[in-house]
Each structure stands twice: as structure tokens, then as C-alpha cells.
All heavy atoms as atom14 arrays in JSON, in Angstrom:
{
  "sequence": "PACIEHAHYRHVQDDLSGNGDETLKSLEKLRVYGLVHAAGVLRVG",
  "atom14_mask": [
    [1, 1, 1, 1, 1, 1, 1, 0, 0, 0, 0, 0, 0, 0],
    [1, 1, 1, 1, 1, 0, 0, 0, 0, 0, 0, 0, 0, 0],
    [1, 1, 1, 1, 1, 1, 0, 0, 0, 0, 0, 0, 0, 0],
    [1, 1, 1, 1, 1, 1, 1, 1, 0, 0, 0, 0, 0, 0],
    [1, 1, 1, 1, 1, 1, 1, 1, 1, 0, 0, 0, 0, 0],
    [1, 1, 1, 1, 1, 1, 1, 1, 1, 1, 0, 0, 0, 0],
    [1, 1, 1, 1, 1, 0, 0, 0, 0, 0, 0, 0, 0, 0],
    [1, 1, 1, 1, 1, 1, 1, 1, 1, 1, 0, 0, 0, 0],
    [1, 1, 1, 1, 1, 1, 1, 1, 1, 1, 1, 1, 0, 0],
    [1, 1, 1, 1, 1, 1, 1, 1, 1, 1, 1, 0, 0, 0],
    [1, 1, 1, 1, 1, 1, 1, 1, 1, 1, 0, 0, 0, 0],
    [1, 1, 1, 1, 1, 1, 1, 0, 0, 0, 0, 0, 0, 0],
    [1, 1, 1, 1, 1, 1, 1, 1, 1, 0, 0, 0, 0, 0],
    [1, 1, 1, 1, 1, 1, 1, 1, 0, 0, 0, 0, 0, 0],
    [1, 1, 1, 1, 1, 1, 1, 1, 0, 0, 0, 0, 0, 0],
    [1, 1, 1, 1, 1, 1, 1, 1, 0, 0, 0, 0, 0, 0],
    [1, 1, 1, 1, 1, 1, 0, 0, 0, 0, 0, 0, 0, 0],
    [1, 1, 1, 1, 0, 0, 0, 0, 0, 0, 0, 0, 0, 0],
    [1, 1, 1, 1, 1, 1, 1, 1, 0, 0, 0, 0, 0, 0],
    [1, 1, 1, 1, 0, 0, 0, 0, 0, 0, 0, 0, 0, 0],
    [1, 1, 1, 1, 1, 1, 1, 1, 0, 0, 0, 0, 0, 0],
    [1, 1, 1, 1, 1, 1, 1, 1, 1, 0, 0, 0, 0, 0],
    [1, 1, 1, 1, 1, 1, 1, 0, 0, 0, 0, 0, 0, 0],
    [1, 1, 1, 1, 1, 1, 1, 1, 0, 0, 0, 0, 0, 0],
    [1, 1, 1, 1, 1, 1, 1, 1, 1, 0, 0, 0, 0, 0],
    [1, 1, 1, 1, 1, 1, 0, 0, 0, 0, 0, 0, 0, 0],
    [1, 1, 1, 1, 1, 1, 1, 1, 0, 0, 0, 0, 0, 0],
    [1, 1, 1, 1, 1, 1, 1, 1, 1, 0, 0, 0, 0, 0],
    [1, 1, 1, 1, 1, 1, 1, 1, 1, 0, 0, 0, 0, 0],
    [1, 1, 1, 1, 1, 1, 1, 1, 0, 0, 0, 0, 0, 0],
    [1, 1, 1, 1, 1, 1, 1, 1, 1, 1, 1, 0, 0, 0],
    [1, 1, 1, 1, 1, 1, 1, 0, 0, 0, 0, 0, 0, 0],
    [1, 1, 1, 1, 1, 1, 1, 1, 1, 1, 1, 1, 0, 0],
    [1, 1, 1, 1, 0, 0, 0, 0, 0, 0, 0, 0, 0, 0],
    [1, 1, 1, 1, 1, 1, 1, 1, 0, 0, 0, 0, 0, 0],
    [1, 1, 1, 1, 1, 1, 1, 0, 0, 0, 0, 0, 0, 0],
    [1, 1, 1, 1, 1, 1, 1, 1, 1, 1, 0, 0, 0, 0],
    [1, 1, 1, 1, 1, 0, 0, 0, 0, 0, 0, 0, 0, 0],
    [1, 1, 1, 1, 1, 0, 0, 0, 0, 0, 0, 0, 0, 0],
    [1, 1, 1, 1, 0, 0, 0, 0, 0, 0, 0, 0, 0, 0],
    [1, 1, 1, 1, 1, 1, 1, 0, 0, 0, 0, 0, 0, 0],
    [1, 1, 1, 1, 1, 1, 1, 1, 0, 0, 0, 0, 0, 0],
    [1, 1, 1, 1, 1, 1, 1, 1, 1, 1, 1, 0, 0, 0],
    [1, 1, 1, 1, 1, 1, 1, 0, 0, 0, 0, 0, 0, 0],
    [1, 1, 1, 1, 0, 0, 0, 0, 0, 0, 0, 0, 0, 0]
  ],
  "atom14_positions": [
    [[-0.34, -8.6, -6.33], [0.66, -9.23, -5.46], [2.01, -8.52, -5.55], [2.25, -7.73, -6.47], [0.75, -10.66, -6.02], [-0.52, -10.87, -6.76], [-0.88, -9.53, -7.33], [0.0, 0.0, 0.0], [0.0, 0.0, 0.0], [0.0, 0.0, 0.0], [0.0, 0.0, 0.0], [0.0, 0.0, 0.0], [0.0, 0.0, 0.0], [0.0, 0.0, 0.0]],
    [[2.89, -8.83, -4.62], [4.21, -8.21, -4.58], [5.04, -8.6, -5.8], [4.97, -9.73, -6.28], [4.94, -8.64, -3.31], [0.0, 0.0, 0.0], [0.0, 0.0, 0.0], [0.0, 0.0, 0.0], [0.0, 0.0, 0.0], [0.0, 0.0, 0.0], [0.0, 0.0, 0.0], [0.0, 0.0, 0.0], [0.0, 0.0, 0.0], [0.0, 0.0, 0.0]],
    [[5.82, -7.63, -6.28], [6.75, -7.88, -7.39], [8.2, -7.73, -6.92], [9.12, -7.81, -7.72], [6.49, -6.9, -8.53], [4.92, -7.15, -9.36], [0.0, 0.0, 0.0], [0.0, 0.0, 0.0], [0.0, 0.0, 0.0], [0.0, 0.0, 0.0], [0.0, 0.0, 0.0], [0.0, 0.0, 0.0], [0.0, 0.0, 0.0], [0.0, 0.0, 0.0]],
    [[8.37, -7.51, -5.62], [9.69, -7.28, -5.06], [9.97, -8.33, -3.99], [9.12, -8.61, -3.14], [9.8, -5.88, -4.42], [9.63, -4.79, -5.48], [11.13, -5.71, -3.7], [9.61, -3.38, -4.91], [0.0, 0.0, 0.0], [0.0, 0.0, 0.0], [0.0, 0.0, 0.0], [0.0, 0.0, 0.0], [0.0, 0.0, 0.0], [0.0, 0.0, 0.0]],
    [[11.16, -8.9, -4.04], [11.63, -9.79, -2.99], [12.88, -9.15, -2.39], [13.89, -9.02, -3.06], [11.95, -11.18, -3.54], [10.72, -11.96, -3.98], [11.06, -13.38, -4.37], [12.22, -13.79, -4.12], [10.19, -14.07, -4.93], [0.0, 0.0, 0.0], [0.0, 0.0, 0.0], [0.0, 0.0, 0.0], [0.0, 0.0, 0.0], [0.0, 0.0, 0.0]],
    [[12.78, -8.74, -1.15], [13.9, -8.04, -0.5], [13.71, -8.16, 1.01], [12.58, -8.14, 1.52], [13.9, -6.56, -0.92], [15.15, -5.83, -0.57], [15.44, -5.41, 0.71], [16.2, -5.42, -1.35], [16.59, -4.78, 0.71], [17.07, -4.78, -0.51], [0.0, 0.0, 0.0], [0.0, 0.0, 0.0], [0.0, 0.0, 0.0], [0.0, 0.0, 0.0]],
    [[14.82, -8.27, 1.72], [14.76, -8.43, 3.17], [14.08, -7.26, 3.88], [13.48, -7.43, 4.94], [16.17, -8.62, 3.73], [0.0, 0.0, 0.0], [0.0, 0.0, 0.0], [0.0, 0.0, 0.0], [0.0, 0.0, 0.0], [0.0, 0.0, 0.0], [0.0, 0.0, 0.0], [0.0, 0.0, 0.0], [0.0, 0.0, 0.0], [0.0, 0.0, 0.0]],
    [[14.16, -6.07, 3.28], [13.58, -4.88, 3.91], [12.26, -4.46, 3.27], [11.82, -3.33, 3.46], [14.58, -3.71, 3.84], [15.68, -3.82, 4.85], [16.73, -2.93, 4.92], [15.89, -4.73, 5.84], [17.54, -3.29, 5.89], [17.05, -4.38, 6.46], [0.0, 0.0, 0.0], [0.0, 0.0, 0.0], [0.0, 0.0, 0.0], [0.0, 0.0, 0.0]],
    [[11.65, -5.41, 2.54], [10.38, -5.08, 1.88], [9.27, -5.97, 2.42], [9.42, -7.18, 2.55], [10.47, -5.28, 0.37], [9.19, -4.94, -0.37], [8.86, -3.63, -0.66], [8.29, -5.95, -0.75], [7.68, -3.31, -1.33], [7.11, -5.64, -1.42], [6.81, -4.32, -1.7], [5.65, -4.01, -2.35], [0.0, 0.0, 0.0], [0.0, 0.0, 0.0]],
    [[8.15, -5.33, 2.77], [6.95, -6.07, 3.13], [5.81, -5.55, 2.27], [5.8, -4.38, 1.86], [6.62, -5.95, 4.62], [6.27, -4.57, 5.07], [6.24, -4.49, 6.61], [5.17, -5.3, 7.16], [3.94, -4.84, 7.39], [3.64, -3.58, 7.09], [3.02, -5.62, 7.9], [0.0, 0.0, 0.0], [0.0, 0.0, 0.0], [0.0, 0.0, 0.0]],
    [[4.85, -6.42, 1.99], [3.8, -6.07, 1.04], [2.42, -6.22, 1.66], [2.15, -7.19, 2.38], [3.9, -6.97, -0.2], [3.04, -6.52, -1.34], [3.4, -5.48, -2.18], [1.84, -6.96, -1.8], [2.47, -5.31, -3.09], [1.5, -6.19, -2.88], [0.0, 0.0, 0.0], [0.0, 0.0, 0.0], [0.0, 0.0, 0.0], [0.0, 0.0, 0.0]],
    [[1.58, -5.24, 1.39], [0.18, -5.3, 1.81], [-0.67, -5.3, 0.54], [-0.65, -4.33, -0.22], [-0.21, -4.09, 2.68], [-1.69, -4.16, 3.06], [0.67, -4.01, 3.92], [0.0, 0.0, 0.0], [0.0, 0.0, 0.0], [0.0, 0.0, 0.0], [0.0, 0.0, 0.0], [0.0, 0.0, 0.0], [0.0, 0.0, 0.0], [0.0, 0.0, 0.0]],
    [[-1.36, -6.39, 0.31], [-2.23, -6.46, -0.88], [-3.62, -5.97, -0.48], [-4.34, -6.6, 0.29], [-2.3, -7.9, -1.41], [-3.01, -7.99, -2.76], [-2.83, -9.35, -3.42], [-2.07, -10.2, -2.95], [-3.55, -9.58, -4.49], [0.0, 0.0, 0.0], [0.0, 0.0, 0.0], [0.0, 0.0, 0.0], [0.0, 0.0, 0.0], [0.0, 0.0, 0.0]],
    [[-3.96, -4.8, -0.99], [-5.22, -4.17, -0.6], [-5.71, -3.27, -1.73], [-4.9, -2.68, -2.46], [-5.0, -3.34, 0.67], [-6.31, -2.88, 1.31], [-7.37, -3.44, 0.98], [-6.25, -1.95, 2.14], [0.0, 0.0, 0.0], [0.0, 0.0, 0.0], [0.0, 0.0, 0.0], [0.0, 0.0, 0.0], [0.0, 0.0, 0.0], [0.0, 0.0, 0.0]],
    [[-7.0, -3.17, -1.87], [-7.61, -2.31, -2.88], [-7.9, -0.95, -2.25], [-8.81, -0.81, -1.43], [-8.91, -2.95, -3.39], [-9.56, -2.15, -4.51], [-9.04, -1.06, -4.85], [-10.57, -2.62, -5.05], [0.0, 0.0, 0.0], [0.0, 0.0, 0.0], [0.0, 0.0, 0.0], [0.0, 0.0, 0.0], [0.0, 0.0, 0.0], [0.0, 0.0, 0.0]],
    [[-7.12, 0.06, -2.63], [-7.26, 1.38, -2.03], [-8.5, 2.13, -2.51], [-8.78, 3.22, -2.03], [-6.01, 2.22, -2.3], [-4.76, 1.78, -1.54], [-3.56, 2.62, -1.95], [-4.99, 1.86, -0.03], [0.0, 0.0, 0.0], [0.0, 0.0, 0.0], [0.0, 0.0, 0.0], [0.0, 0.0, 0.0], [0.0, 0.0, 0.0], [0.0, 0.0, 0.0]],
    [[-9.25, 1.54, -3.43], [-10.51, 2.16, -3.82], [-11.61, 1.81, -2.82], [-12.72, 2.33, -2.89], [-10.93, 1.73, -5.22], [-11.29, 0.35, -5.25], [0.0, 0.0, 0.0], [0.0, 0.0, 0.0], [0.0, 0.0, 0.0], [0.0, 0.0, 0.0], [0.0, 0.0, 0.0], [0.0, 0.0, 0.0], [0.0, 0.0, 0.0], [0.0, 0.0, 0.0]],
    [[-11.28, 0.92, -1.87], [-12.22, 0.55, -0.83], [-11.98, 1.37, 0.43], [-11.54, 2.51, 0.37], [0.0, 0.0, 0.0], [0.0, 0.0, 0.0], [0.0, 0.0, 0.0], [0.0, 0.0, 0.0], [0.0, 0.0, 0.0], [0.0, 0.0, 0.0], [0.0, 0.0, 0.0], [0.0, 0.0, 0.0], [0.0, 0.0, 0.0], [0.0, 0.0, 0.0]],
    [[-12.21, 0.75, 1.59], [-12.07, 1.5, 2.84], [-10.65, 1.48, 3.39], [-10.35, 2.19, 4.36], [-13.06, 0.97, 3.89], [-12.92, -0.52, 4.12], [-11.86, -1.1, 3.93], [-14.02, -1.16, 4.53], [0.0, 0.0, 0.0], [0.0, 0.0, 0.0], [0.0, 0.0, 0.0], [0.0, 0.0, 0.0], [0.0, 0.0, 0.0], [0.0, 0.0, 0.0]],
    [[-9.78, 0.67, 2.79], [-8.38, 0.66, 3.21], [-8.13, 0.04, 4.57], [-7.07, 0.24, 5.17], [0.0, 0.0, 0.0], [0.0, 0.0, 0.0], [0.0, 0.0, 0.0], [0.0, 0.0, 0.0], [0.0, 0.0, 0.0], [0.0, 0.0, 0.0], [0.0, 0.0, 0.0], [0.0, 0.0, 0.0], [0.0, 0.0, 0.0], [0.0, 0.0, 0.0]],
    [[-9.08, -0.74, 5.09], [-8.94, -1.31, 6.42], [-7.7, -2.16, 6.56], [-6.99, -2.1, 7.57], [-10.17, -2.16, 6.77], [-11.38, -1.31, 7.13], [-11.18, -0.08, 7.31], [-12.49, -1.84, 7.22], [0.0, 0.0, 0.0], [0.0, 0.0, 0.0], [0.0, 0.0, 0.0], [0.0, 0.0, 0.0], [0.0, 0.0, 0.0], [0.0, 0.0, 0.0]],
    [[-7.41, -2.95, 5.53], [-6.25, -3.85, 5.58], [-4.96, -3.05, 5.66], [-4.04, -3.39, 6.41], [-6.27, -4.75, 4.34], [-5.51, -6.05, 4.48], [-6.03, -6.95, 5.57], [-7.25, -7.05, 5.77], [-5.17, -7.56, 6.25], [0.0, 0.0, 0.0], [0.0, 0.0, 0.0], [0.0, 0.0, 0.0], [0.0, 0.0, 0.0], [0.0, 0.0, 0.0]],
    [[-4.91, -1.98, 4.89], [-3.71, -1.13, 4.89], [-3.53, -0.44, 6.23], [-2.43, -0.45, 6.81], [-3.81, -0.07, 3.78], [-3.9, -0.74, 2.51], [-2.59, 0.83, 3.79], [0.0, 0.0, 0.0], [0.0, 0.0, 0.0], [0.0, 0.0, 0.0], [0.0, 0.0, 0.0], [0.0, 0.0, 0.0], [0.0, 0.0, 0.0], [0.0, 0.0, 0.0]],
    [[-4.57, 0.17, 6.75], [-4.48, 0.88, 8.02], [-4.1, -0.06, 9.16], [-3.29, 0.28, 10.03], [-5.81, 1.57, 8.33], [-6.18, 2.73, 7.41], [-7.53, 3.3, 7.81], [-5.12, 3.82, 7.45], [0.0, 0.0, 0.0], [0.0, 0.0, 0.0], [0.0, 0.0, 0.0], [0.0, 0.0, 0.0], [0.0, 0.0, 0.0], [0.0, 0.0, 0.0]],
    [[-4.65, -1.26, 9.15], [-4.34, -2.24, 10.18], [-2.87, -2.62, 10.14], [-2.21, -2.76, 11.18], [-5.22, -3.48, 10.01], [-5.01, -4.54, 11.08], [-5.94, -5.73, 10.84], [-5.7, -6.81, 11.9], [-6.59, -7.99, 11.69], [0.0, 0.0, 0.0], [0.0, 0.0, 0.0], [0.0, 0.0, 0.0], [0.0, 0.0, 0.0], [0.0, 0.0, 0.0]],
    [[-2.33, -2.77, 8.94], [-0.93, -3.18, 8.79], [0.04, -2.08, 9.18], [1.2, -2.34, 9.48], [-0.67, -3.61, 7.35], [-0.69, -2.49, 6.48], [0.0, 0.0, 0.0], [0.0, 0.0, 0.0], [0.0, 0.0, 0.0], [0.0, 0.0, 0.0], [0.0, 0.0, 0.0], [0.0, 0.0, 0.0], [0.0, 0.0, 0.0], [0.0, 0.0, 0.0]],
    [[-0.43, -0.82, 9.18], [0.45, 0.3, 9.47], [0.38, 0.74, 10.93], [1.18, 1.58, 11.37], [0.1, 1.5, 8.58], [0.23, 1.3, 7.07], [-0.19, 2.56, 6.34], [1.65, 0.91, 6.69], [0.0, 0.0, 0.0], [0.0, 0.0, 0.0], [0.0, 0.0, 0.0], [0.0, 0.0, 0.0], [0.0, 0.0, 0.0], [0.0, 0.0, 0.0]],
    [[-0.54, 0.16, 11.69], [-0.8, 0.61, 13.05], [0.44, 0.64, 13.93], [0.68, 1.58, 14.68], [-1.86, -0.29, 13.71], [-3.28, 0.05, 13.31], [-4.29, -0.87, 13.97], [-3.86, -1.84, 14.64], [-5.5, -0.64, 13.82], [0.0, 0.0, 0.0], [0.0, 0.0, 0.0], [0.0, 0.0, 0.0], [0.0, 0.0, 0.0], [0.0, 0.0, 0.0]],
    [[1.27, -0.41, 13.84], [2.41, -0.54, 14.74], [3.74, -0.17, 14.09], [4.81, -0.4, 14.67], [2.46, -1.96, 15.29], [1.23, -2.32, 16.12], [1.33, -3.72, 16.68], [0.09, -4.07, 17.49], [0.16, -5.45, 18.06], [0.0, 0.0, 0.0], [0.0, 0.0, 0.0], [0.0, 0.0, 0.0], [0.0, 0.0, 0.0], [0.0, 0.0, 0.0]],
    [[3.68, 0.38, 12.89], [4.91, 0.75, 12.19], [5.31, 2.18, 12.54], [4.46, 3.05, 12.71], [4.73, 0.63, 10.68], [4.53, -0.78, 10.11], [4.38, -0.68, 8.59], [5.68, -1.7, 10.47], [0.0, 0.0, 0.0], [0.0, 0.0, 0.0], [0.0, 0.0, 0.0], [0.0, 0.0, 0.0], [0.0, 0.0, 0.0], [0.0, 0.0, 0.0]],
    [[6.6, 2.42, 12.61], [7.11, 3.78, 12.74], [7.47, 4.24, 11.34], [8.49, 3.85, 10.78], [8.34, 3.8, 13.66], [8.02, 3.46, 15.1], [9.27, 3.42, 15.96], [9.96, 4.71, 15.93], [11.15, 4.92, 16.49], [11.78, 3.93, 17.1], [11.7, 6.1, 16.45], [0.0, 0.0, 0.0], [0.0, 0.0, 0.0], [0.0, 0.0, 0.0]],
    [[6.62, 5.06, 10.78], [6.75, 5.44, 9.37], [7.4, 6.82, 9.23], [6.96, 7.79, 9.85], [5.37, 5.43, 8.67], [5.51, 5.91, 7.23], [4.79, 4.03, 8.7], [0.0, 0.0, 0.0], [0.0, 0.0, 0.0], [0.0, 0.0, 0.0], [0.0, 0.0, 0.0], [0.0, 0.0, 0.0], [0.0, 0.0, 0.0], [0.0, 0.0, 0.0]],
    [[8.42, 6.88, 8.42], [9.11, 8.15, 8.15], [8.52, 8.85, 6.92], [8.42, 10.08, 6.88], [10.59, 7.88, 7.91], [11.35, 9.07, 7.35], [11.67, 10.16, 8.17], [11.74, 9.11, 6.01], [12.35, 11.26, 7.66], [12.42, 10.2, 5.51], [12.73, 11.27, 6.33], [13.41, 12.35, 5.83], [0.0, 0.0, 0.0], [0.0, 0.0, 0.0]],
    [[8.12, 8.07, 5.91], [7.66, 8.7, 4.68], [6.5, 7.97, 4.02], [6.25, 6.8, 4.27], [0.0, 0.0, 0.0], [0.0, 0.0, 0.0], [0.0, 0.0, 0.0], [0.0, 0.0, 0.0], [0.0, 0.0, 0.0], [0.0, 0.0, 0.0], [0.0, 0.0, 0.0], [0.0, 0.0, 0.0], [0.0, 0.0, 0.0], [0.0, 0.0, 0.0]],
    [[5.8, 8.71, 3.18], [4.69, 8.17, 2.38], [4.85, 8.64, 0.95], [5.06, 9.82, 0.7], [3.35, 8.65, 2.93], [2.12, 8.46, 2.01], [1.8, 6.99, 1.83], [0.9, 9.22, 2.57], [0.0, 0.0, 0.0], [0.0, 0.0, 0.0], [0.0, 0.0, 0.0], [0.0, 0.0, 0.0], [0.0, 0.0, 0.0], [0.0, 0.0, 0.0]],
    [[4.78, 7.7, 0.02], [4.73, 8.02, -1.4], [3.45, 7.42, -1.96], [3.31, 6.19, -2.01], [5.95, 7.48, -2.18], [5.82, 7.84, -3.66], [7.24, 8.02, -1.61], [0.0, 0.0, 0.0], [0.0, 0.0, 0.0], [0.0, 0.0, 0.0], [0.0, 0.0, 0.0], [0.0, 0.0, 0.0], [0.0, 0.0, 0.0], [0.0, 0.0, 0.0]],
    [[2.52, 8.26, -2.34], [1.24, 7.78, -2.87], [1.31, 7.8, -4.4], [1.07, 8.82, -5.03], [0.09, 8.65, -2.38], [-1.26, 8.17, -2.81], [-1.66, 6.84, -2.71], [-2.32, 8.83, -3.34], [-2.89, 6.72, -3.17], [-3.31, 7.91, -3.57], [0.0, 0.0, 0.0], [0.0, 0.0, 0.0], [0.0, 0.0, 0.0], [0.0, 0.0, 0.0]],
    [[1.68, 6.65, -4.96], [1.84, 6.53, -6.41], [0.72, 5.72, -7.07], [0.68, 5.63, -8.3], [3.2, 5.9, -6.74], [0.0, 0.0, 0.0], [0.0, 0.0, 0.0], [0.0, 0.0, 0.0], [0.0, 0.0, 0.0], [0.0, 0.0, 0.0], [0.0, 0.0, 0.0], [0.0, 0.0, 0.0], [0.0, 0.0, 0.0], [0.0, 0.0, 0.0]],
    [[-0.14, 5.13, -6.27], [-1.24, 4.35, -6.83], [-2.14, 5.26, -7.67], [-2.44, 6.39, -7.27], [-2.05, 3.7, -5.72], [0.0, 0.0, 0.0], [0.0, 0.0, 0.0], [0.0, 0.0, 0.0], [0.0, 0.0, 0.0], [0.0, 0.0, 0.0], [0.0, 0.0, 0.0], [0.0, 0.0, 0.0], [0.0, 0.0, 0.0], [0.0, 0.0, 0.0]],
    [[-2.57, 4.77, -8.8], [-3.44, 5.58, -9.65], [-4.03, 4.8, -10.8], [-3.53, 3.73, -11.16], [0.0, 0.0, 0.0], [0.0, 0.0, 0.0], [0.0, 0.0, 0.0], [0.0, 0.0, 0.0], [0.0, 0.0, 0.0], [0.0, 0.0, 0.0], [0.0, 0.0, 0.0], [0.0, 0.0, 0.0], [0.0, 0.0, 0.0], [0.0, 0.0, 0.0]],
    [[-5.1, 5.32, -11.34], [-5.75, 4.73, -12.51], [-6.12, 5.85, -13.46], [-6.27, 7.01, -13.05], [-7.0, 3.91, -12.14], [-6.64, 2.7, -11.31], [-8.01, 4.78, -11.4], [0.0, 0.0, 0.0], [0.0, 0.0, 0.0], [0.0, 0.0, 0.0], [0.0, 0.0, 0.0], [0.0, 0.0, 0.0], [0.0, 0.0, 0.0], [0.0, 0.0, 0.0]],
    [[-6.28, 5.51, -14.72], [-6.7, 6.49, -15.72], [-7.89, 5.95, -16.49], [-7.81, 4.85, -17.06], [-5.55, 6.8, -16.69], [-5.92, 7.63, -17.93], [-6.4, 9.01, -17.52], [-4.73, 7.73, -18.89], [0.0, 0.0, 0.0], [0.0, 0.0, 0.0], [0.0, 0.0, 0.0], [0.0, 0.0, 0.0], [0.0, 0.0, 0.0], [0.0, 0.0, 0.0]],
    [[-8.96, 6.7, -16.48], [-10.13, 6.39, -17.29], [-10.46, 7.65, -18.08], [-10.44, 8.75, -17.53], [-11.33, 5.99, -16.42], [-11.07, 4.77, -15.54], [-10.97, 3.49, -16.36], [-10.85, 2.32, -15.51], [-9.7, 1.8, -15.1], [-8.56, 2.37, -15.48], [-9.67, 0.72, -14.34], [0.0, 0.0, 0.0], [0.0, 0.0, 0.0], [0.0, 0.0, 0.0]],
    [[-10.75, 7.5, -19.36], [-10.98, 8.66, -20.2], [-12.4, 8.65, -20.75], [-13.06, 7.61, -20.79], [-9.97, 8.71, -21.37], [-8.55, 8.74, -20.85], [-10.16, 7.51, -22.31], [0.0, 0.0, 0.0], [0.0, 0.0, 0.0], [0.0, 0.0, 0.0], [0.0, 0.0, 0.0], [0.0, 0.0, 0.0], [0.0, 0.0, 0.0], [0.0, 0.0, 0.0]],
    [[-12.85, 9.81, -21.19], [-14.18, 9.9, -21.78], [-14.58, 11.36, -21.97], [-14.28, 12.2, -21.12], [0.0, 0.0, 0.0], [0.0, 0.0, 0.0], [0.0, 0.0, 0.0], [0.0, 0.0, 0.0], [0.0, 0.0, 0.0], [0.0, 0.0, 0.0], [0.0, 0.0, 0.0], [0.0, 0.0, 0.0], [0.0, 0.0, 0.0], [0.0, 0.0, 0.0]]
  ]
}
């Protein structure tokens, strides 16, 4: 869930390890200037 409360912030709760349908749908009508892909996981072995 969102950890930020701000007038200029909107949150999409979606698991990017899946097909990302929720994310893509939410971005369809947005005019986006930038993308920062910081999502990540670490598994070792």
C-alpha cells in the first residue's frame, strides 16, 4: 500500500512480477514525463 500522502501523489498497488495489467491500465490516460524503475528483490544462493 501507499506510504505517501500528498496532493500530487497517486498510488497503484500492483505486483510487477505479474502481467502488470493494473499498472498499464492506470497509465493509459496519463501524460508521463519520466519513469524511475526502482522496484526490486534480492534472492541469494
